[in-house]
Amino acid sequence: MDGLNLQPVLEGLISILLTIITYYLNGISQEMKQFKKDYADLTKVCNWLVAEQLAMRKTLDGLTTPKTRPTLKPD
């Protein structure tokens, strides 16, 4: 094979390789977009869980601590 016959073969091979690379990069891009959406949802859920935990802790602390009544001072 001389250089004139080899050039179209190499161009075809490079074209195929670029197509494969583009396909995988597109897939990675879609996965990153989905990851960002899932991460945002997870962040919202975690923030909600923290708020619920604090509310439950406050409720439980109110149930377990004895309520003190103010002492009556004699007149």
Protein backbone atom coordinates (compact mmCIF):
# COMPACT_ATOMS: atom_id res chain seq x y z
CA MET A 1 0.00 0.00 0.00
CA ASP A 2 1.33 3.34 -0.92
CA GLY A 3 0.51 6.61 0.80
CA LEU A 4 -2.40 7.44 -1.48
CA ASN A 5 -4.25 4.22 -0.63
CA LEU A 6 -3.42 4.40 3.05
CA GLN A 7 -4.81 7.91 3.57
CA PRO A 8 -8.52 7.05 3.01
CA VAL A 9 -8.20 4.04 5.30
CA LEU A 10 -6.70 6.17 8.05
CA GLU A 11 -9.34 8.86 7.58
CA GLY A 12 -12.08 6.25 7.90
CA LEU A 13 -10.45 4.79 11.02
CA ILE A 14 -10.12 8.23 12.60
CA SER A 15 -13.74 8.98 11.73
CA ILE A 16 -14.90 5.76 13.39
CA LEU A 17 -12.81 6.44 16.50
CA LEU A 18 -14.16 10.00 16.78
CA THR A 19 -17.71 8.70 16.45
CA ILE A 20 -17.14 6.18 19.26
CA ILE A 21 -15.55 8.84 21.48
CA THR A 22 -18.46 11.22 20.82
CA TYR A 23 -20.96 8.49 21.70
CA TYR A 24 -19.31 7.77 25.05
CA LEU A 25 -18.84 11.45 25.89
CA ASN A 26 -22.53 12.05 25.19
CA GLY A 27 -23.40 9.19 27.55
CA ILE A 28 -21.14 10.60 30.26
CA SER A 29 -22.72 14.03 29.80
CA GLN A 30 -26.22 12.60 30.24
CA GLU A 31 -25.14 10.70 33.35
CA MET A 32 -23.64 13.86 34.84
CA LYS A 33 -26.91 15.74 34.27
CA GLN A 34 -28.87 12.94 35.94
CA PHE A 35 -26.34 12.86 38.80
CA LYS A 36 -26.81 16.58 39.40
CA LYS A 37 -30.60 16.14 39.54
CA ASP A 38 -30.31 13.18 41.90
CA TYR A 39 -27.81 15.05 44.08
CA ALA A 40 -30.16 18.04 44.34
CA ASP A 41 -33.01 15.72 45.35
CA LEU A 42 -30.80 13.99 47.90
CA THR A 43 -29.75 17.34 49.36
CA LYS A 44 -33.41 18.33 49.79
CA VAL A 45 -34.20 15.03 51.50
CA CYS A 46 -31.21 15.33 53.83
CA ASN A 47 -32.19 18.87 54.81
CA TRP A 48 -35.73 17.70 55.48
CA LEU A 49 -34.44 14.81 57.61
CA VAL A 50 -32.27 17.15 59.67
CA ALA A 51 -35.26 19.45 60.26
CA GLU A 52 -37.42 16.48 61.28
CA GLN A 53 -34.72 15.20 63.62
CA LEU A 54 -34.45 18.57 65.32
CA ALA A 55 -38.23 18.79 65.69
CA MET A 56 -38.40 15.28 67.18
CA ARG A 57 -35.51 16.02 69.53
CA LYS A 58 -37.25 19.18 70.72
CA THR A 59 -40.49 17.25 71.26
CA LEU A 60 -38.76 14.44 73.13
CA ASP A 61 -36.80 16.86 75.28
CA GLY A 62 -40.08 18.53 76.19
CA LEU A 63 -41.55 15.18 77.23
CA THR A 64 -38.60 13.95 79.26
CA THR A 65 -37.63 17.08 81.16
CA PRO A 66 -39.74 17.76 84.22
CA LYS A 67 -41.60 21.00 84.03
CA THR A 68 -40.73 23.32 86.85
CA ARG A 69 -43.41 25.41 88.34
CA PRO A 70 -42.48 28.85 89.54
CA THR A 71 -42.35 29.01 93.29
CA LEU A 72 -44.95 31.16 94.87
CA LYS A 73 -43.53 33.93 96.96
CA PRO A 74 -45.39 34.81 100.11
CA ASP A 75 -46.85 38.28 100.11
